[in-house]
Every structure is written in structure tokens, then in C-alpha cells.
N, C-alpha and C. Protein backbone atom coordinates (compact mmCIF):
# COMPACT_ATOMS: atom_id res chain seq x y z
N MET A 1 0.81 -1.46 -0.10
CA MET A 1 -0.06 -0.01 0.30
C MET A 1 0.94 1.47 0.06
N PRO A 2 1.02 2.32 -0.82
CA PRO A 2 1.44 3.21 -1.10
C PRO A 2 1.00 4.31 0.19
N GLY A 3 2.29 4.74 0.64
CA GLY A 3 2.13 5.57 2.03
C GLY A 3 2.51 6.71 1.67
N PHE A 4 2.02 7.95 2.22
CA PHE A 4 2.61 9.42 2.32
C PHE A 4 3.06 9.89 3.32
N HIS A 5 4.25 10.28 2.85
CA HIS A 5 5.34 10.93 3.63
C HIS A 5 5.81 12.45 3.46
N VAL A 6 5.78 13.17 4.65
CA VAL A 6 5.91 14.73 4.76
C VAL A 6 6.89 15.03 3.61
N ASN A 7 8.29 14.53 3.23
CA ASN A 7 8.76 14.59 2.34
C ASN A 7 7.75 14.95 0.93
N ASP A 8 7.25 14.12 0.43
CA ASP A 8 6.54 14.09 -0.70
C ASP A 8 5.81 15.66 -0.80
N LEU A 9 5.25 16.57 0.02
CA LEU A 9 5.09 17.57 0.30
C LEU A 9 6.09 18.77 -0.19
N LYS A 10 7.64 18.66 0.23
CA LYS A 10 8.91 19.33 -0.10
C LYS A 10 8.85 19.26 -1.40
N SER A 11 8.39 18.10 -2.26
CA SER A 11 9.06 17.60 -3.58
C SER A 11 7.47 18.06 -4.66
N ASN A 12 6.59 17.98 -4.27
CA ASN A 12 5.24 17.44 -5.00
C ASN A 12 4.55 18.08 -4.72
N THR A 13 3.90 19.13 -5.68
CA THR A 13 3.10 19.98 -5.42
C THR A 13 1.71 19.51 -5.65
N GLY A 14 2.04 18.35 -6.08
CA GLY A 14 0.51 17.65 -6.82
C GLY A 14 0.01 16.85 -5.52
N ALA A 15 0.92 16.82 -4.15
CA ALA A 15 0.52 15.69 -3.74
C ALA A 15 -0.99 15.62 -2.92
N PHE A 16 -1.60 16.87 -3.25
CA PHE A 16 -3.51 16.78 -2.47
C PHE A 16 -3.76 17.11 -3.71
N ALA A 17 -5.42 16.79 -3.43
CA ALA A 17 -6.37 16.78 -4.50
C ALA A 17 -6.87 18.33 -4.37
N ARG A 18 -7.29 18.54 -5.48
CA ARG A 18 -7.43 20.27 -5.64
C ARG A 18 -8.89 20.53 -5.57
N ALA A 19 -9.77 21.12 -5.08
CA ALA A 19 -10.92 21.46 -4.72
C ALA A 19 -12.08 21.97 -6.10
N TYR A 20 -11.02 22.69 -6.82
CA TYR A 20 -11.98 23.00 -8.32
C TYR A 20 -11.69 21.96 -9.31
N LEU A 21 -11.03 20.43 -8.99
CA LEU A 21 -10.92 19.67 -9.80
C LEU A 21 -12.23 18.62 -9.91
N PHE A 22 -13.03 18.94 -10.42
CA PHE A 22 -14.11 17.95 -9.87
C PHE A 22 -15.45 17.88 -11.59
N ASN A 23 -16.31 17.01 -11.22
CA ASN A 23 -17.18 17.02 -12.78
C ASN A 23 -18.43 16.33 -12.11
N VAL A 24 -19.50 17.00 -12.75
CA VAL A 24 -21.26 16.14 -11.89
C VAL A 24 -21.92 15.96 -13.35
N TYR A 25 -22.40 15.04 -13.02
CA TYR A 25 -23.14 14.42 -14.03
C TYR A 25 -24.37 13.84 -13.80
N PHE A 26 -25.59 13.82 -14.46
CA PHE A 26 -26.81 13.75 -14.36
C PHE A 26 -27.17 12.38 -14.91
N GLU A 27 -27.71 11.38 -14.61
CA GLU A 27 -27.96 10.34 -15.52
C GLU A 27 -29.37 9.59 -15.00
N GLY A 28 -30.34 9.87 -16.23
CA GLY A 28 -31.67 9.59 -15.71
C GLY A 28 -32.99 10.29 -15.45
N ALA A 29 -31.94 11.46 -15.74
CA ALA A 29 -32.98 12.89 -15.50
C ALA A 29 -34.16 12.55 -16.10
N PRO A 30 -35.79 13.13 -15.72
CA PRO A 30 -36.54 13.28 -16.22
C PRO A 30 -36.54 14.20 -17.65
N VAL A 31 -35.67 15.04 -17.41
CA VAL A 31 -35.18 16.52 -18.10
C VAL A 31 -34.15 16.18 -19.04
N GLU A 32 -34.10 17.09 -19.94
CA GLU A 32 -32.43 17.33 -20.77
C GLU A 32 -32.08 17.99 -19.95
N ILE A 33 -30.82 17.80 -19.10
CA ILE A 33 -29.86 18.74 -18.02
C ILE A 33 -28.82 18.90 -18.80
N ASN A 34 -28.68 17.59 -19.25
CA ASN A 34 -26.71 17.61 -19.89
C ASN A 34 -26.86 17.71 -21.35
N GLY A 35 -27.50 18.04 -21.84
CA GLY A 35 -27.61 19.00 -23.09
C GLY A 35 -27.07 18.40 -24.26
N GLY A 36 -27.04 16.87 -23.89
CA GLY A 36 -26.72 16.00 -24.85
C GLY A 36 -25.18 15.72 -24.77
N GLU A 37 -24.64 16.48 -24.14
CA GLU A 37 -22.93 16.21 -23.90
C GLU A 37 -22.43 16.61 -22.31
N ASN A 38 -23.10 16.52 -21.60
CA ASN A 38 -22.64 16.75 -20.26
C ASN A 38 -22.15 18.29 -19.92
N GLN A 39 -22.94 19.24 -20.81
CA GLN A 39 -22.85 20.39 -20.66
C GLN A 39 -22.76 20.93 -19.36
N VAL A 40 -23.47 20.27 -18.08
CA VAL A 40 -24.09 20.84 -16.93
C VAL A 40 -22.24 20.62 -15.87
N ALA A 41 -21.79 20.07 -16.43
CA ALA A 41 -20.07 20.01 -15.92
C ALA A 41 -19.63 21.26 -15.76
N TYR A 42 -20.03 22.28 -17.07
CA TYR A 42 -19.18 23.09 -17.15
C TYR A 42 -20.10 24.29 -16.27
N LEU A 43 -21.25 24.33 -16.33
CA LEU A 43 -22.48 25.19 -15.22
C LEU A 43 -22.18 25.22 -14.06
N VAL A 44 -21.82 23.98 -13.26
CA VAL A 44 -21.72 24.07 -11.80
C VAL A 44 -20.61 24.44 -11.31
N ARG A 45 -20.79 25.81 -10.48
CA ARG A 45 -20.21 26.71 -10.08
C ARG A 45 -19.59 25.90 -8.70
N SER A 46 -20.15 25.39 -7.75
CA SER A 46 -19.26 24.78 -6.42
C SER A 46 -20.21 23.84 -5.94
N THR A 47 -20.11 22.44 -5.62
CA THR A 47 -20.63 21.58 -4.76
C THR A 47 -19.75 21.14 -3.64
N SER A 48 -20.00 20.05 -3.39
CA SER A 48 -19.57 19.22 -2.02
C SER A 48 -19.46 18.13 -2.16
N LEU A 49 -18.36 16.98 -1.89
CA LEU A 49 -18.94 15.58 -1.79
C LEU A 49 -20.13 14.99 -0.95
N PRO A 50 -20.54 14.49 -0.86
CA PRO A 50 -21.82 14.47 0.11
C PRO A 50 -21.55 13.51 1.49
N GLU A 51 -22.23 14.41 2.47
CA GLU A 51 -22.15 13.56 3.79
C GLU A 51 -22.79 12.56 3.62
N SER A 52 -22.08 11.54 5.01
CA SER A 52 -22.95 10.67 5.59
C SER A 52 -23.04 10.28 7.04
N THR A 53 -23.76 9.72 7.70
CA THR A 53 -23.73 9.62 9.06
C THR A 53 -24.08 8.14 9.56
N ILE A 54 -23.62 7.83 10.45
CA ILE A 54 -24.21 6.57 11.25
C ILE A 54 -24.45 6.76 12.31
N ASP A 55 -25.98 6.95 12.50
CA ASP A 55 -26.84 7.29 13.85
C ASP A 55 -26.08 6.24 15.11
N PRO A 56 -25.91 7.24 16.36
CA PRO A 56 -25.67 5.87 17.35
C PRO A 56 -26.67 5.72 17.98
N ILE A 57 -26.87 4.38 18.49
CA ILE A 57 -27.91 3.47 19.70
C ILE A 57 -26.95 3.43 21.08
N GLU A 58 -27.42 4.07 21.75
CA GLU A 58 -27.05 3.98 23.29
C GLU A 58 -27.20 2.76 24.14
N VAL A 59 -26.27 1.93 24.15
CA VAL A 59 -27.15 0.63 25.14
C VAL A 59 -26.28 0.77 26.69
N PRO A 60 -27.14 0.55 27.54
CA PRO A 60 -26.86 0.50 29.05
C PRO A 60 -26.16 -0.75 29.16
N TRP A 61 -25.57 -1.20 29.80
CA TRP A 61 -24.83 -2.10 30.56
C TRP A 61 -23.97 -2.39 31.74
N GLN A 62 -24.36 -2.83 32.72
CA GLN A 62 -23.63 -2.77 33.74
C GLN A 62 -23.10 -1.56 34.59
N GLY A 63 -23.91 -0.28 34.40
CA GLY A 63 -23.87 1.46 34.40
C GLY A 63 -23.06 2.11 33.44
N GLN A 64 -22.95 1.42 32.65
CA GLN A 64 -21.91 2.15 31.73
C GLN A 64 -23.04 2.34 30.07
N THR A 65 -22.70 3.29 29.69
CA THR A 65 -23.60 3.29 28.25
C THR A 65 -22.69 3.11 27.03
N TYR A 66 -22.75 2.41 26.36
CA TYR A 66 -21.75 1.96 24.98
C TYR A 66 -22.92 2.26 23.92
N LYS A 67 -22.42 3.10 23.09
CA LYS A 67 -22.73 3.28 21.71
C LYS A 67 -22.40 2.78 20.62
N ILE A 68 -23.32 1.79 20.05
CA ILE A 68 -23.15 0.90 18.76
C ILE A 68 -23.61 1.63 17.54
N GLY A 69 -23.43 1.18 16.14
CA GLY A 69 -23.90 1.80 15.08
C GLY A 69 -25.21 1.40 14.67
N SER A 70 -26.13 2.57 14.39
CA SER A 70 -27.65 1.67 13.66
C SER A 70 -27.64 2.45 12.63
N THR A 71 -28.48 3.13 12.06
CA THR A 71 -28.83 3.35 10.62
C THR A 71 -27.66 4.41 9.54
N HIS A 72 -27.77 4.42 8.52
CA HIS A 72 -27.22 4.78 7.62
C HIS A 72 -27.90 6.04 7.26
N THR A 73 -27.56 7.58 7.61
CA THR A 73 -28.46 8.68 7.14
C THR A 73 -27.47 9.33 5.99
N PHE A 74 -28.18 9.64 5.16
CA PHE A 74 -27.48 10.51 4.14
C PHE A 74 -28.28 11.86 4.02
N SER A 75 -27.25 13.01 4.56
CA SER A 75 -27.76 14.12 4.39
C SER A 75 -28.05 14.48 2.59
N GLU A 76 -28.65 15.75 2.87
CA GLU A 76 -29.18 16.58 1.40
C GLU A 76 -27.52 16.92 1.01
N TRP A 77 -27.93 17.02 -0.37
CA TRP A 77 -26.62 17.37 -1.20
C TRP A 77 -26.85 18.54 -1.92
N GLU A 78 -25.94 19.63 -1.83
CA GLU A 78 -26.31 20.83 -2.69
C GLU A 78 -25.20 21.24 -3.77
N CYS A 79 -25.69 21.75 -4.46
CA CYS A 79 -25.20 22.55 -5.97
C CYS A 79 -25.62 23.58 -6.38
N THR A 80 -24.70 24.21 -6.55
CA THR A 80 -24.68 26.15 -7.25
C THR A 80 -24.23 25.70 -8.62
N PHE A 81 -25.16 26.41 -9.35
CA PHE A 81 -24.90 26.37 -10.83
C PHE A 81 -24.63 27.88 -11.48
N HIS A 82 -24.18 28.26 -12.12
CA HIS A 82 -23.61 29.56 -13.37
C HIS A 82 -25.09 29.53 -13.90
N THR A 83 -26.05 30.23 -14.13
CA THR A 83 -26.51 30.66 -14.80
C THR A 83 -26.60 30.84 -16.44
N ASP A 84 -26.52 30.16 -17.77
CA ASP A 84 -26.40 30.26 -18.82
C ASP A 84 -27.71 30.76 -19.17
N ARG A 85 -27.13 31.61 -20.57
CA ARG A 85 -27.47 33.01 -21.22
C ARG A 85 -29.16 32.57 -21.73
N GLY A 86 -29.31 31.32 -21.92
CA GLY A 86 -30.88 31.17 -21.77
C GLY A 86 -31.77 30.71 -20.40
N ALA A 87 -31.18 30.52 -19.39
CA ALA A 87 -31.36 30.47 -18.04
C ALA A 87 -31.70 28.51 -18.20
N ASN A 88 -31.01 28.03 -19.30
CA ASN A 88 -31.74 26.37 -19.54
C ASN A 88 -32.04 25.60 -18.67
N ILE A 89 -30.49 25.74 -17.88
CA ILE A 89 -30.41 24.70 -16.51
C ILE A 89 -31.34 24.97 -15.42
N ARG A 90 -31.80 26.33 -14.77
CA ARG A 90 -32.81 26.63 -14.15
C ARG A 90 -34.33 26.16 -14.76
N LYS A 91 -34.30 26.27 -16.12
CA LYS A 91 -35.68 25.89 -16.38
C LYS A 91 -35.82 24.27 -15.96
N GLN A 92 -34.80 23.72 -16.68
CA GLN A 92 -34.60 22.09 -16.65
C GLN A 92 -34.94 21.57 -15.02
N MET A 93 -34.03 22.47 -14.06
CA MET A 93 -34.51 21.74 -13.08
C MET A 93 -35.94 22.22 -12.19
N LEU A 94 -36.46 23.44 -12.51
CA LEU A 94 -38.07 23.40 -12.60
C LEU A 94 -38.82 22.62 -12.90
N ASN A 95 -38.50 22.15 -14.32
CA ASN A 95 -39.22 21.10 -14.92
C ASN A 95 -39.15 19.50 -14.57
N TRP A 96 -38.27 19.68 -13.60
CA TRP A 96 -37.84 18.53 -13.01
C TRP A 96 -38.74 18.30 -11.91
N MET A 97 -39.08 19.17 -10.54
CA MET A 97 -39.71 19.41 -10.34
C MET A 97 -41.06 19.51 -10.31
N HIS A 98 -41.94 19.98 -11.28
CA HIS A 98 -43.11 19.68 -11.79
C HIS A 98 -43.43 18.37 -11.83
N LYS A 99 -42.51 17.58 -12.55
CA LYS A 99 -42.06 15.94 -12.41
C LYS A 99 -42.56 15.32 -11.43
N ILE A 100 -42.25 15.86 -10.29
CA ILE A 100 -42.57 15.53 -8.97
C ILE A 100 -43.53 15.84 -8.27
N HIS A 101 -43.83 17.20 -8.31
CA HIS A 101 -45.92 17.64 -7.88
C HIS A 101 -45.80 18.60 -9.19
N ASP A 102 -47.05 18.49 -9.53
CA ASP A 102 -47.44 19.83 -10.38
C ASP A 102 -48.57 20.60 -9.73
N PRO A 103 -48.18 21.63 -9.57
CA PRO A 103 -49.29 22.33 -8.84
C PRO A 103 -50.46 23.07 -9.13
N SER A 104 -50.04 22.96 -10.92
CA SER A 104 -51.68 23.58 -11.62
C SER A 104 -52.62 22.54 -11.20
N ASP A 105 -52.70 21.15 -10.92
CA ASP A 105 -53.40 20.17 -11.29
C ASP A 105 -53.38 19.30 -9.76
N ASN A 106 -52.45 19.89 -9.04
CA ASN A 106 -52.02 18.98 -7.96
C ASN A 106 -51.75 17.26 -7.87
N THR A 107 -51.29 17.05 -8.99
CA THR A 107 -51.14 15.69 -9.31
C THR A 107 -49.48 15.63 -8.98
N GLN A 108 -49.31 14.09 -8.76
CA GLN A 108 -47.77 13.86 -7.73
C GLN A 108 -47.30 12.69 -8.66
N GLY A 109 -45.88 12.61 -9.02
CA GLY A 109 -45.49 12.15 -9.92
C GLY A 109 -44.83 10.59 -9.51
N ASN A 110 -44.59 9.68 -10.14
CA ASN A 110 -44.40 8.32 -9.73
C ASN A 110 -42.47 8.57 -9.41
N PRO A 111 -42.24 8.11 -8.21
CA PRO A 111 -40.89 8.12 -7.92
C PRO A 111 -40.22 7.45 -8.95
N GLU A 112 -40.83 6.50 -9.46
CA GLU A 112 -39.68 5.82 -10.52
C GLU A 112 -39.29 6.86 -11.85
N ASP A 113 -40.26 7.58 -12.02
CA ASP A 113 -40.39 8.46 -13.37
C ASP A 113 -39.40 9.82 -12.93
N TYR A 114 -38.93 9.99 -11.81
CA TYR A 114 -38.84 11.30 -11.37
C TYR A 114 -36.69 11.26 -10.79
N PHE A 115 -36.54 9.61 -10.28
CA PHE A 115 -35.44 9.55 -9.88
C PHE A 115 -34.55 9.47 -11.02
N ALA A 116 -33.48 9.82 -10.19
CA ALA A 116 -31.84 10.12 -11.49
C ALA A 116 -30.95 9.47 -10.44
N LYS A 117 -29.58 9.27 -10.87
CA LYS A 117 -28.30 9.03 -10.63
C LYS A 117 -27.44 10.44 -11.00
N VAL A 118 -27.08 10.99 -9.72
CA VAL A 118 -26.10 12.21 -10.23
C VAL A 118 -24.53 11.49 -9.40
N LYS A 119 -23.53 11.42 -10.82
CA LYS A 119 -22.18 11.01 -10.17
C LYS A 119 -21.29 12.83 -10.01
N LEU A 120 -20.73 12.38 -8.77
CA LEU A 120 -19.53 13.55 -8.57
C LEU A 120 -18.32 12.88 -8.78
N GLU A 121 -17.33 13.52 -9.97
CA GLU A 121 -15.94 12.67 -9.73
C GLU A 121 -15.42 13.91 -9.03
N LEU A 122 -14.36 13.53 -8.36
CA LEU A 122 -12.83 14.24 -7.75
C LEU A 122 -11.93 14.14 -8.70
N LEU A 123 -11.40 14.85 -9.48
CA LEU A 123 -10.27 14.38 -10.72
C LEU A 123 -8.99 14.87 -9.99
N ASP A 124 -7.95 14.15 -10.22
CA ASP A 124 -6.48 14.98 -10.23
C ASP A 124 -5.84 15.42 -10.70
N THR A 125 -4.83 15.96 -11.07
CA THR A 125 -4.24 17.60 -12.18
C THR A 125 -4.31 16.93 -13.33
N SER A 126 -4.71 15.50 -13.94
CA SER A 126 -4.67 15.11 -15.54
C SER A 126 -6.06 15.16 -15.37
N SER A 127 -7.02 15.48 -14.86
CA SER A 127 -8.51 15.28 -15.03
C SER A 127 -9.23 14.12 -15.17
N GLU A 128 -8.40 12.87 -14.23
CA GLU A 128 -8.76 11.43 -13.93
C GLU A 128 -9.66 11.85 -12.94
N PRO A 129 -10.59 10.64 -12.82
CA PRO A 129 -11.38 10.57 -11.65
C PRO A 129 -10.23 10.02 -10.46
N VAL A 130 -10.11 10.46 -9.27
CA VAL A 130 -9.74 9.81 -8.55
C VAL A 130 -10.53 9.05 -7.39
N MET A 131 -11.86 9.51 -7.31
CA MET A 131 -13.01 9.04 -6.55
C MET A 131 -14.09 9.35 -7.11
N THR A 132 -15.07 8.40 -7.60
CA THR A 132 -16.25 9.16 -7.86
C THR A 132 -17.51 8.52 -6.79
N TYR A 133 -18.68 9.31 -6.48
CA TYR A 133 -19.78 9.43 -5.84
C TYR A 133 -20.70 9.07 -6.77
N THR A 134 -21.72 8.46 -6.57
CA THR A 134 -23.05 8.34 -7.44
C THR A 134 -24.03 8.25 -6.36
N LEU A 135 -24.89 9.52 -6.37
CA LEU A 135 -26.29 9.51 -5.67
C LEU A 135 -27.32 8.68 -6.12
N HIS A 136 -27.69 7.48 -5.40
CA HIS A 136 -29.09 6.92 -6.01
C HIS A 136 -30.82 7.48 -5.90
N GLN A 137 -31.29 7.78 -6.75
CA GLN A 137 -32.91 7.75 -6.69
C GLN A 137 -32.43 9.52 -5.94
N ALA A 138 -32.31 10.51 -6.67
CA ALA A 138 -31.83 11.70 -6.42
C ALA A 138 -33.02 12.81 -6.97
N TRP A 139 -33.20 13.53 -6.46
CA TRP A 139 -34.34 14.42 -7.17
C TRP A 139 -34.23 15.95 -6.50
N PRO A 140 -34.26 17.06 -7.25
CA PRO A 140 -34.45 18.09 -6.57
C PRO A 140 -35.59 18.44 -5.46
N SER A 141 -35.09 18.91 -4.77
CA SER A 141 -36.19 18.95 -3.61
C SER A 141 -36.33 20.95 -3.33
N THR A 142 -35.54 21.93 -3.71
CA THR A 142 -35.06 22.97 -3.66
C THR A 142 -34.23 23.90 -4.70
N VAL A 143 -35.17 25.00 -5.64
CA VAL A 143 -34.49 25.20 -6.57
C VAL A 143 -34.56 27.05 -5.91
N ALA A 144 -33.37 27.04 -5.31
CA ALA A 144 -32.91 28.55 -4.73
C ALA A 144 -33.23 29.64 -5.78
N ALA A 145 -33.74 30.99 -5.00
CA ALA A 145 -33.80 32.21 -5.92
C ALA A 145 -32.36 32.36 -6.45
N ILE A 146 -32.50 33.48 -7.38
CA ILE A 146 -31.33 33.95 -7.97
C ILE A 146 -31.07 35.88 -7.53
N ASP A 147 -29.98 35.99 -7.21
CA ASP A 147 -30.34 37.32 -6.67
C ASP A 147 -29.97 38.30 -7.91
N LEU A 148 -30.57 39.28 -8.16
CA LEU A 148 -30.53 40.21 -9.12
C LEU A 148 -30.41 41.40 -8.39
N ALA A 149 -29.41 42.04 -8.95
CA ALA A 149 -28.98 43.69 -8.88
C ALA A 149 -28.53 44.42 -9.63
N HIS A 150 -28.66 45.52 -10.01
CA HIS A 150 -28.19 46.70 -10.98
C HIS A 150 -26.53 46.84 -10.91
N ASP A 151 -26.32 46.96 -9.34
CA ASP A 151 -24.84 46.99 -9.54
C ASP A 151 -24.03 45.97 -9.35
N SER A 152 -24.38 44.63 -9.70
CA SER A 152 -23.89 43.71 -9.69
C SER A 152 -22.89 43.44 -11.21
N LYS A 153 -21.66 42.84 -11.16
CA LYS A 153 -21.30 42.33 -12.21
C LYS A 153 -21.07 41.06 -12.51
N ASP A 154 -21.53 40.30 -11.17
CA ASP A 154 -21.44 38.84 -11.31
C ASP A 154 -22.43 38.09 -12.21
N VAL A 155 -21.90 36.72 -12.30
CA VAL A 155 -22.84 35.87 -13.08
C VAL A 155 -23.74 35.15 -12.04
N ALA A 156 -25.01 35.29 -12.66
CA ALA A 156 -26.21 34.92 -12.01
C ALA A 156 -26.00 33.39 -11.57
N GLN A 157 -26.19 33.24 -10.49
CA GLN A 157 -26.17 31.59 -9.72
C GLN A 157 -27.41 31.33 -9.11
N PHE A 158 -27.47 30.04 -8.88
CA PHE A 158 -28.56 29.37 -7.75
C PHE A 158 -28.16 28.38 -7.67
N SER A 159 -29.05 27.97 -6.28
CA SER A 159 -27.93 26.30 -5.92
C SER A 159 -29.89 25.67 -5.96
N VAL A 160 -29.24 24.14 -5.83
CA VAL A 160 -30.44 23.39 -5.65
C VAL A 160 -30.26 22.51 -4.97
N THR A 161 -31.08 22.17 -4.09
CA THR A 161 -30.67 21.16 -3.47
C THR A 161 -31.39 19.92 -3.40
N PHE A 162 -30.71 18.45 -3.16
CA PHE A 162 -31.22 17.45 -3.74
C PHE A 162 -31.29 16.77 -2.42
N ASN A 163 -32.31 15.83 -2.56
CA ASN A 163 -32.56 14.78 -1.69
C ASN A 163 -32.06 12.95 -2.47
N TYR A 164 -31.31 12.01 -1.81
CA TYR A 164 -31.46 11.09 -2.36
C TYR A 164 -31.56 9.78 -1.36
N ASN A 165 -31.41 8.58 -1.63
CA ASN A 165 -31.79 7.63 -0.59
C ASN A 165 -30.16 7.17 -0.21
N TRP A 166 -29.46 6.91 -0.92
CA TRP A 166 -28.21 6.24 -0.64
C TRP A 166 -26.92 6.91 -2.06
N HIS A 167 -25.79 6.85 -1.20
CA HIS A 167 -24.62 6.61 -2.51
C HIS A 167 -23.43 5.95 -2.26
N THR A 168 -23.00 5.79 -3.01
CA THR A 168 -21.98 4.60 -3.16
C THR A 168 -20.74 5.08 -3.61
N THR A 169 -19.51 5.17 -3.56
CA THR A 169 -18.42 5.38 -3.95
C THR A 169 -17.56 4.38 -4.60
N GLU A 170 -16.61 4.78 -5.52
CA GLU A 170 -15.80 4.15 -6.45
C GLU A 170 -14.62 4.51 -6.38
């Protein structure tokens, strides 16, 4: 097993993963998010690798309390997007939400029709994936507001919060 040594820091600036080297892909979404060629990867401004927690169960035994592992909980995942010229990525996220629940006729979608896989790749400096997370049965639960201001020169951006049932890593 390859090890890490402090001398690696002195001789190799590539010893650490870079936070700006990542990709995000959507698979099986009920709307055309990727633009046919995974264009969404270039519209993602920021995100994070997902969090997971194993909840403890406290078990009393002979005056002591011992903690053992219980169920696995997967937190919501958030992704911030740059808004493209036609606001297409935002429109697609809102369309996806309408497939989950359409407020005009109060119909609820079938989960199998709106679940998708989200792949997050942490890349090395040669753009090769070093770690891939796959979020299973993901769907957008919140499409946040876009802040607009006459005195701003920033690119318009918005966040989307996703819920999902579990994730795997490669």
C-alpha cells in the first residue's frame, strides 16, 4: 500500500487533491439537463462531496453506556449553478420539480419516473477521476432564488438542493 510521507509535500505540489477539479453528471433525469454532451459539468460553480452519518444507539450495560452503530443517514446535497444565457439549466431543474409535483393540477409523480443518478467525480491534475460518488434515487427538493442587482457584475447563480436515498463510492 503506497504511503504518504511529509517529504512528498516538499518535492511534489500535486500531493493533494484540488477542490476546483471535479465533474458533476446527471443520469436518467426526466429532463434534458446535460445538453446531450454533459454541458452541465461546465455550469456547476460549486458543490461538495456528500456527507453520511451512522446514527448511534446507546446501550446501557452494568452502569455504563455503550454506543453502537445504527442506521446510515445521507444528508441533502447542494449544487450551485452558473445561469447560462437562456437560463436553460434553471428551467430544466424547475421542469424536473414539476414532474415530482405539478401544482396546477395537484398531481404527484411516480418516484421511478423522477429519480435520477448524480455522479460526482473528484479529479486529479490530469483530469482523471480519483474518487466517484454516485447518488442514487436523487431528485431536486429546492431550486433557490437568483439574486439580481443593478450594481452587480457577477454571473447569475442559483443553488439546487437534492435529496437522495443512498450513495456509493468508487
